[in-house]
Amino acid sequence: MSDEPESGEFALALSTSHLLHRAQQLASDRFALLVGENGVTLRQFAVLAAIQEQPGLNQTELVRATGIDRSTLADMVTRMEKRGWISRAASTADARANAVRLAPAGETVLKNALQHAKAADAAILDALPRSKRKSFHATLRRLAAISDEAERKAAEKAKKAARRQARLEARAKEKAARLEAKAKAKAEGGAPSKGKNKSKKKKKKAPAVETGASEAKTTRPKTKPARQAEAPKPKG
């Protein structure tokens, strides 16, 4: 049988992702049946087990460890804290995150559910021939490793994008500050003081008065000098 995906129309019953989901659902149903309706769920058990293995994980690290999406895990952690199974405190490694640890009640819940988790695993493996169980388990681990690597790359890419955005914003702020300082300096250097304005106004008034006086002089009628009496001409 070839490893290449078969061509043709999609069939849900033959979908690999759907079949994996069905297998996981088998384990979840077996676990729920054993612990009872009021017991811990398989996802809650996974969170408790991850915290026990690595005490002090923050919620982002719990997402990677359990494979539960961020929003679902946040709701789960809140409910589990209210039930007294876990405790949260400020992380010493990252002040922005909370470190999650098991509370005594959570340790008891985890211990009582451990055998049921093993039974849930067996519910899947028992359906396979003994000769196929190790290779099936190895395939699942390989798929989980691929998922972890893809998530690690995505997280690193997001960090780089955030750093690049921060640099762009810092440069934009610096440029805006320089332009503002330049505009302010230009405004302060180009605006005349009040004293200078007054002196300019006085200078403008002076020519106006002189012009009026000169106009008065030019419009004043001039008196013609009286003609001297001509001497009478001699007769004959």
C-alpha atoms as a PDB file:
ATOM      1  CA  MET A   1       0.000   0.000   0.000  1.00  0.00           C
ATOM      2  CA  SER A   2       1.390   3.390  -1.020  1.00  0.00           C
ATOM      3  CA  ASP A   3       2.012   6.155   1.528  1.00  0.00           C
ATOM      4  CA  GLU A   4       0.649   8.710  -0.930  1.00  0.00           C
ATOM      5  CA  PRO A   5      -2.897   9.981  -0.226  1.00  0.00           C
ATOM      6  CA  GLU A   6      -5.501   8.305  -2.391  1.00  0.00           C
ATOM      7  CA  SER A   7      -7.155  10.429  -5.046  1.00  0.00           C
ATOM      8  CA  GLY A   8     -10.880  10.615  -5.458  1.00  0.00           C
ATOM      9  CA  GLU A   9     -13.834  11.954  -3.545  1.00  0.00           C
ATOM     10  CA  PHE A  10     -13.557  12.688   0.162  1.00  0.00           C
ATOM     11  CA  ALA A  11     -15.061  10.108   2.503  1.00  0.00           C
ATOM     12  CA  LEU A  12     -15.385  11.050   6.153  1.00  0.00           C
ATOM     13  CA  ALA A  13     -15.205   7.437   7.295  1.00  0.00           C
ATOM     14  CA  LEU A  14     -11.762   7.166   5.670  1.00  0.00           C
ATOM     15  CA  SER A  15     -10.449  10.574   6.781  1.00  0.00           C
ATOM     16  CA  THR A  16      -7.235  10.241   8.790  1.00  0.00           C
ATOM     17  CA  SER A  17      -7.989  13.214  11.049  1.00  0.00           C
ATOM     18  CA  HIS A  18     -11.522  11.945  11.627  1.00  0.00           C
ATOM     19  CA  LEU A  19     -10.258   8.470  12.473  1.00  0.00           C
ATOM     20  CA  LEU A  20      -7.765   9.917  14.950  1.00  0.00           C
ATOM     21  CA  HIS A  21     -10.583  11.875  16.553  1.00  0.00           C
ATOM     22  CA  ARG A  22     -12.693   8.729  16.795  1.00  0.00           C
ATOM     23  CA  ALA A  23      -9.812   6.897  18.451  1.00  0.00           C
ATOM     24  CA  GLN A  24      -9.356   9.725  20.945  1.00  0.00           C
ATOM     25  CA  GLN A  25     -13.094   9.698  21.615  1.00  0.00           C
ATOM     26  CA  LEU A  26     -12.899   5.986  22.395  1.00  0.00           C
ATOM     27  CA  ALA A  27     -10.262   6.650  25.045  1.00  0.00           C
ATOM     28  CA  SER A  28     -12.209   9.614  26.447  1.00  0.00           C
ATOM     29  CA  ASP A  29     -15.439   7.617  26.716  1.00  0.00           C
ATOM     30  CA  ARG A  30     -13.648   4.739  28.454  1.00  0.00           C
ATOM     31  CA  PHE A  31     -12.047   7.153  30.910  1.00  0.00           C
ATOM     32  CA  ALA A  32     -15.365   8.912  31.660  1.00  0.00           C
ATOM     33  CA  LEU A  33     -17.085   5.561  32.202  1.00  0.00           C
ATOM     34  CA  LEU A  34     -14.494   4.505  34.764  1.00  0.00           C
ATOM     35  CA  VAL A  35     -14.273   7.748  36.771  1.00  0.00           C
ATOM     36  CA  GLY A  36     -18.032   8.417  36.787  1.00  0.00           C
ATOM     37  CA  GLU A  37     -20.080  11.465  35.875  1.00  0.00           C
ATOM     38  CA  ASN A  38     -18.809  13.665  38.719  1.00  0.00           C
ATOM     39  CA  GLY A  39     -15.164  12.776  38.285  1.00  0.00           C
ATOM     40  CA  VAL A  40     -12.303  14.440  36.464  1.00  0.00           C
ATOM     41  CA  THR A  41     -12.377  14.569  32.669  1.00  0.00           C
ATOM     42  CA  LEU A  42      -9.594  13.205  30.502  1.00  0.00           C
ATOM     43  CA  ARG A  43      -8.529  16.746  29.578  1.00  0.00           C
ATOM     44  CA  GLN A  44      -8.476  17.823  33.212  1.00  0.00           C
ATOM     45  CA  PHE A  45      -6.409  14.757  33.996  1.00  0.00           C
ATOM     46  CA  ALA A  46      -3.956  15.746  31.246  1.00  0.00           C
ATOM     47  CA  VAL A  47      -3.573  19.223  32.789  1.00  0.00           C
ATOM     48  CA  LEU A  48      -3.008  17.792  36.276  1.00  0.00           C
ATOM     49  CA  ALA A  49      -0.489  15.273  34.947  1.00  0.00           C
ATOM     50  CA  ALA A  50       1.418  17.981  33.024  1.00  0.00           C
ATOM     51  CA  ILE A  51       1.615  20.167  36.150  1.00  0.00           C
ATOM     52  CA  GLN A  52       2.833  17.247  38.238  1.00  0.00           C
ATOM     53  CA  GLU A  53       5.570  16.455  35.722  1.00  0.00           C
ATOM     54  CA  GLN A  54       6.693  20.097  35.495  1.00  0.00           C
ATOM     55  CA  PRO A  55       5.519  22.154  38.486  1.00  0.00           C
ATOM     56  CA  GLY A  56       5.368  25.892  37.892  1.00  0.00           C
ATOM     57  CA  LEU A  57       4.411  25.827  34.215  1.00  0.00           C
ATOM     58  CA  ASN A  58       2.612  28.894  32.942  1.00  0.00           C
ATOM     59  CA  GLN A  59      -0.533  28.613  30.832  1.00  0.00           C
ATOM     60  CA  THR A  60       1.312  29.034  27.528  1.00  0.00           C
ATOM     61  CA  GLU A  61       3.562  26.123  28.438  1.00  0.00           C
ATOM     62  CA  LEU A  62       0.532  24.086  29.496  1.00  0.00           C
ATOM     63  CA  VAL A  63      -0.976  24.663  26.043  1.00  0.00           C
ATOM     64  CA  ARG A  64       2.127  23.120  24.460  1.00  0.00           C
ATOM     65  CA  ALA A  65       2.295  20.278  26.971  1.00  0.00           C
ATOM     66  CA  THR A  66      -1.352  19.216  26.707  1.00  0.00           C
ATOM     67  CA  GLY A  67      -2.300  20.200  23.154  1.00  0.00           C
ATOM     68  CA  ILE A  68      -5.411  21.966  24.447  1.00  0.00           C
ATOM     69  CA  ASP A  69      -6.184  25.270  22.742  1.00  0.00           C
ATOM     70  CA  ARG A  70      -5.465  28.467  24.653  1.00  0.00           C
ATOM     71  CA  SER A  71      -9.034  29.678  25.289  1.00  0.00           C
ATOM     72  CA  THR A  72     -10.271  26.245  26.407  1.00  0.00           C
ATOM     73  CA  LEU A  73      -7.304  25.799  28.722  1.00  0.00           C
ATOM     74  CA  ALA A  74      -7.844  29.235  30.277  1.00  0.00           C
ATOM     75  CA  ASP A  75     -11.438  28.297  31.174  1.00  0.00           C
ATOM     76  CA  MET A  76     -10.326  24.911  32.499  1.00  0.00           C
ATOM     77  CA  VAL A  77      -7.611  26.405  34.699  1.00  0.00           C
ATOM     78  CA  THR A  78     -10.073  28.905  36.163  1.00  0.00           C
ATOM     79  CA  ARG A  79     -12.589  26.177  37.033  1.00  0.00           C
ATOM     80  CA  MET A  80      -9.917  23.864  38.423  1.00  0.00           C
ATOM     81  CA  GLU A  81      -8.585  26.650  40.621  1.00  0.00           C
ATOM     82  CA  LYS A  82     -12.080  27.310  41.993  1.00  0.00           C
ATOM     83  CA  ARG A  83     -12.396  23.612  42.841  1.00  0.00           C
ATOM     84  CA  GLY A  84      -9.131  23.810  44.763  1.00  0.00           C
ATOM     85  CA  TRP A  85      -7.199  21.435  42.500  1.00  0.00           C
ATOM     86  CA  ILE A  86      -4.520  23.899  41.448  1.00  0.00           C
ATOM     87  CA  SER A  87      -3.038  27.204  42.560  1.00  0.00           C
ATOM     88  CA  ARG A  88      -1.643  30.096  40.580  1.00  0.00           C
ATOM     89  CA  ALA A  89       1.022  32.611  41.595  1.00  0.00           C
ATOM     90  CA  ALA A  90       3.274  35.112  39.850  1.00  0.00           C
ATOM     91  CA  SER A  91       6.033  33.352  37.947  1.00  0.00           C
ATOM     92  CA  THR A  92       9.603  34.053  38.998  1.00  0.00           C
ATOM     93  CA  ALA A  93      10.759  33.497  35.403  1.00  0.00           C
ATOM     94  CA  ASP A  94       8.196  35.803  33.775  1.00  0.00           C
ATOM     95  CA  ALA A  95       6.476  38.542  35.776  1.00  0.00           C
ATOM     96  CA  ARG A  96       3.696  38.745  33.171  1.00  0.00           C
ATOM     97  CA  ALA A  97       2.703  35.077  33.612  1.00  0.00           C
ATOM     98  CA  ASN A  98       1.333  32.924  36.434  1.00  0.00           C
ATOM     99  CA  ALA A  99       3.000  29.703  37.506  1.00  0.00           C
ATOM    100  CA  VAL A 100       0.536  26.844  38.034  1.00  0.00           C
ATOM    101  CA  ARG A 101       1.040  24.181  40.708  1.00  0.00           C
ATOM    102  CA  LEU A 102      -0.959  21.304  42.106  1.00  0.00           C
ATOM    103  CA  ALA A 103      -2.895  21.855  45.307  1.00  0.00           C
ATOM    104  CA  PRO A 104      -3.258  18.927  47.762  1.00  0.00           C
ATOM    105  CA  ALA A 105      -6.781  18.241  46.473  1.00  0.00           C
ATOM    106  CA  GLY A 106      -5.459  18.150  42.904  1.00  0.00           C
ATOM    107  CA  GLU A 107      -2.795  15.642  43.863  1.00  0.00           C
ATOM    108  CA  THR A 108      -5.500  13.371  45.288  1.00  0.00           C
ATOM    109  CA  VAL A 109      -7.671  13.683  42.179  1.00  0.00           C
ATOM    110  CA  LEU A 110      -4.694  12.879  39.959  1.00  0.00           C
ATOM    111  CA  LYS A 111      -3.704   9.845  42.016  1.00  0.00           C
ATOM    112  CA  ASN A 112      -7.239   8.402  41.978  1.00  0.00           C
ATOM    113  CA  ALA A 113      -7.627   8.922  38.218  1.00  0.00           C
ATOM    114  CA  LEU A 114      -4.260   7.494  37.203  1.00  0.00           C
ATOM    115  CA  GLN A 115      -5.473   3.914  36.817  1.00  0.00           C
ATOM    116  CA  HIS A 116      -8.424   5.078  34.719  1.00  0.00           C
ATOM    117  CA  ALA A 117      -6.085   6.933  32.367  1.00  0.00           C
ATOM    118  CA  LYS A 118      -4.086   3.748  31.867  1.00  0.00           C
ATOM    119  CA  ALA A 119      -7.297   1.887  31.098  1.00  0.00           C
ATOM    120  CA  ALA A 120      -8.213   4.528  28.521  1.00  0.00           C
ATOM    121  CA  ASP A 121      -4.851   4.000  26.781  1.00  0.00           C
ATOM    122  CA  ALA A 122      -5.392   0.248  26.854  1.00  0.00           C
ATOM    123  CA  ALA A 123      -8.823   0.650  25.234  1.00  0.00           C
ATOM    124  CA  ILE A 124      -7.055   1.821  22.066  1.00  0.00           C
ATOM    125  CA  LEU A 125      -3.980  -0.377  22.128  1.00  0.00           C
ATOM    126  CA  ASP A 126      -5.972  -3.527  22.869  1.00  0.00           C
ATOM    127  CA  ALA A 127      -7.779  -3.049  19.562  1.00  0.00           C
ATOM    128  CA  LEU A 128      -4.464  -3.485  17.720  1.00  0.00           C
ATOM    129  CA  PRO A 129      -2.390  -6.619  17.230  1.00  0.00           C
ATOM    130  CA  ARG A 130       0.534  -6.774  19.639  1.00  0.00           C
ATOM    131  CA  SER A 131       2.971  -6.560  16.740  1.00  0.00           C
ATOM    132  CA  LYS A 132       1.471  -3.216  15.655  1.00  0.00           C
ATOM    133  CA  ARG A 133       1.245  -1.458  19.025  1.00  0.00           C
ATOM    134  CA  LYS A 134       4.818  -0.201  19.229  1.00  0.00           C
ATOM    135  CA  SER A 135       4.835   1.129  15.676  1.00  0.00           C
ATOM    136  CA  PHE A 136       1.421   2.754  16.244  1.00  0.00           C
ATOM    137  CA  HIS A 137       2.701   4.429  19.390  1.00  0.00           C
ATOM    138  CA  ALA A 138       5.852   5.569  17.597  1.00  0.00           C
ATOM    139  CA  THR A 139       3.750   7.092  14.823  1.00  0.00           C
ATOM    140  CA  LEU A 140       1.677   9.022  17.358  1.00  0.00           C
ATOM    141  CA  ARG A 141       4.842  10.362  19.004  1.00  0.00           C
ATOM    142  CA  ARG A 142       6.199  11.409  15.637  1.00  0.00           C
ATOM    143  CA  LEU A 143       2.975  13.276  14.844  1.00  0.00           C
ATOM    144  CA  ALA A 144       3.082  14.975  18.245  1.00  0.00           C
ATOM    145  CA  ALA A 145       6.701  16.022  17.625  1.00  0.00           C
ATOM    146  CA  ILE A 146       5.745  17.518  14.254  1.00  0.00           C
ATOM    147  CA  SER A 147       2.957  19.460  15.956  1.00  0.00           C
ATOM    148  CA  ASP A 148       5.327  20.732  18.651  1.00  0.00           C
ATOM    149  CA  GLU A 149       7.874  21.845  16.053  1.00  0.00           C
ATOM    150  CA  ALA A 150       5.237  23.664  14.004  1.00  0.00           C
ATOM    151  CA  GLU A 151       3.996  25.445  17.122  1.00  0.00           C
ATOM    152  CA  ARG A 152       7.542  26.370  18.124  1.00  0.00           C
ATOM    153  CA  LYS A 153       8.201  27.901  14.704  1.00  0.00           C
ATOM    154  CA  ALA A 154       4.905  29.773  14.787  1.00  0.00           C
ATOM    155  CA  ALA A 155       5.715  31.165  18.240  1.00  0.00           C
ATOM    156  CA  GLU A 156       9.185  32.249  17.101  1.00  0.00           C
ATOM    157  CA  LYS A 157       7.722  33.893  14.009  1.00  0.00           C
ATOM    158  CA  ALA A 158       5.199  35.742  16.152  1.00  0.00           C
ATOM    159  CA  LYS A 159       7.985  36.983  18.443  1.00  0.00           C
ATOM    160  CA  LYS A 160      10.003  38.258  15.490  1.00  0.00           C
ATOM    161  CA  ALA A 161       6.953  40.012  14.080  1.00  0.00           C
ATOM    162  CA  ALA A 162       6.266  41.619  17.464  1.00  0.00           C
ATOM    163  CA  ARG A 163       9.871  42.830  17.760  1.00  0.00           C
ATOM    164  CA  ARG A 164       9.773  44.219  14.214  1.00  0.00           C
ATOM    165  CA  GLN A 165       6.501  46.016  14.923  1.00  0.00           C
ATOM    166  CA  ALA A 166       7.943  47.459  18.129  1.00  0.00           C
ATOM    167  CA  ARG A 167      10.958  48.800  16.212  1.00  0.00           C
ATOM    168  CA  LEU A 168       8.731  50.366  13.564  1.00  0.00           C
ATOM    169  CA  GLU A 169       6.581  52.032  16.206  1.00  0.00           C
ATOM    170  CA  ALA A 170       9.672  53.336  18.022  1.00  0.00           C
ATOM    171  CA  ARG A 171      11.039  54.812  14.782  1.00  0.00           C
ATOM    172  CA  ALA A 172       7.691  56.402  13.995  1.00  0.00           C
ATOM    173  CA  LYS A 173       7.595  58.014  17.436  1.00  0.00           C
ATOM    174  CA  GLU A 174      11.148  59.321  17.055  1.00  0.00           C
ATOM    175  CA  LYS A 175      10.336  60.779  13.642  1.00  0.00           C
ATOM    176  CA  ALA A 176       7.166  62.426  14.953  1.00  0.00           C
ATOM    177  CA  ALA A 177       9.101  63.892  17.882  1.00  0.00           C
ATOM    178  CA  ARG A 178      11.763  65.321  15.543  1.00  0.00           C
ATOM    179  CA  LEU A 179       9.146  66.866  13.261  1.00  0.00           C
ATOM    180  CA  GLU A 180       7.327  68.362  16.233  1.00  0.00           C
ATOM    181  CA  ALA A 181      10.537  69.823  17.661  1.00  0.00           C
ATOM    182  CA  LYS A 182      11.458  71.217  14.248  1.00  0.00           C
ATOM    183  CA  ALA A 183       8.043  72.825  13.805  1.00  0.00           C
ATOM    184  CA  LYS A 184       8.175  74.277  17.297  1.00  0.00           C
ATOM    185  CA  ALA A 185      11.627  75.742  16.747  1.00  0.00           C
ATOM    186  CA  LYS A 186      10.526  77.243  13.435  1.00  0.00           C
ATOM    187  CA  ALA A 187       7.451  78.787  15.030  1.00  0.00           C
ATOM    188  CA  GLU A 188       9.466  80.292  17.883  1.00  0.00           C
ATOM    189  CA  GLY A 189      12.134  81.694  15.539  1.00  0.00           C
ATOM    190  CA  GLY A 190       9.718  83.203  12.989  1.00  0.00           C
ATOM    191  CA  ALA A 191       7.185  84.866  15.324  1.00  0.00           C
ATOM    192  CA  PRO A 192       8.199  88.520  16.149  1.00  0.00           C
ATOM    193  CA  SER A 193       7.945  89.768  19.693  1.00  0.00           C
ATOM    194  CA  LYS A 194       5.354  92.348  20.810  1.00  0.00           C
ATOM    195  CA  GLY A 195       7.993  95.083  21.182  1.00  0.00           C
ATOM    196  CA  LYS A 196       9.056  94.645  17.564  1.00  0.00           C
ATOM    197  CA  ASN A 197       5.450  94.854  16.398  1.00  0.00           C
ATOM    198  CA  LYS A 198       4.960  98.179  18.169  1.00  0.00           C
ATOM    199  CA  SER A 199       8.094  99.684  16.687  1.00  0.00           C
ATOM    200  CA  LYS A 200       7.021  98.591  13.213  1.00  0.00           C
ATOM    201  CA  LYS A 201       3.621 100.178  13.706  1.00  0.00           C
ATOM    202  CA  LYS A 202       5.222 103.475  14.787  1.00  0.00           C
ATOM    203  CA  LYS A 203       7.452 103.496  11.721  1.00  0.00           C
ATOM    204  CA  LYS A 204       4.439 103.010   9.486  1.00  0.00           C
ATOM    205  CA  LYS A 205       2.564 105.961  11.059  1.00  0.00           C
ATOM    206  CA  ALA A 206       5.423 108.439  10.604  1.00  0.00           C
ATOM    207  CA  PRO A 207       5.470 108.355   6.792  1.00  0.00           C
ATOM    208  CA  ALA A 208       1.711 108.764   6.757  1.00  0.00           C
ATOM    209  CA  VAL A 209       1.926 112.126   8.593  1.00  0.00           C
ATOM    210  CA  GLU A 210       4.695 113.435   6.351  1.00  0.00           C
ATOM    211  CA  THR A 211       2.754 112.503   3.262  1.00  0.00           C
ATOM    212  CA  GLY A 212      -0.247 114.430   4.513  1.00  0.00           C
ATOM    213  CA  ALA A 213       1.844 117.518   5.166  1.00  0.00           C
ATOM    214  CA  SER A 214       3.404 117.439   1.745  1.00  0.00           C
ATOM    215  CA  GLU A 215      -0.003 117.081   0.138  1.00  0.00           C
ATOM    216  CA  ALA A 216      -1.180 120.110   2.111  1.00  0.00           C
ATOM    217  CA  LYS A 217       1.785 122.094   0.806  1.00  0.00           C
ATOM    218  CA  THR A 218       1.170 121.149  -2.784  1.00  0.00           C
ATOM    219  CA  THR A 219      -2.543 121.995  -2.674  1.00  0.00           C
ATOM    220  CA  ARG A 220      -2.069 125.448  -1.069  1.00  0.00           C
ATOM    221  CA  PRO A 221      -2.545 128.157  -3.778  1.00  0.00           C
ATOM    222  CA  LYS A 222       0.526 130.132  -4.649  1.00  0.00           C
ATOM    223  CA  THR A 223       0.345 133.973  -4.794  1.00  0.00           C
ATOM    224  CA  LYS A 224       1.864 135.424  -7.954  1.00  0.00           C
ATOM    225  CA  PRO A 225       4.240 138.354  -7.451  1.00  0.00           C
ATOM    226  CA  ALA A 226       2.765 141.770  -8.524  1.00  0.00           C
ATOM    227  CA  ARG A 227       3.988 143.034 -11.867  1.00  0.00           C
ATOM    228  CA  GLN A 228       6.030 146.196 -11.804  1.00  0.00           C
ATOM    229  CA  ALA A 229       4.410 149.176 -13.512  1.00  0.00           C
ATOM    230  CA  GLU A 230       5.843 149.701 -16.927  1.00  0.00           C
ATOM    231  CA  ALA A 231       7.403 153.058 -17.628  1.00  0.00           C
ATOM    232  CA  PRO A 232       5.342 155.268 -19.973  1.00  0.00           C
ATOM    233  CA  LYS A 233       6.660 155.411 -23.496  1.00  0.00           C
ATOM    234  CA  PRO A 234       7.815 158.929 -24.695  1.00  0.00           C
ATOM    235  CA  LYS A 235       5.602 160.724 -27.132  1.00  0.00           C
ATOM    236  CA  GLY A 236       6.697 161.703 -30.643  1.00  0.00           C
END
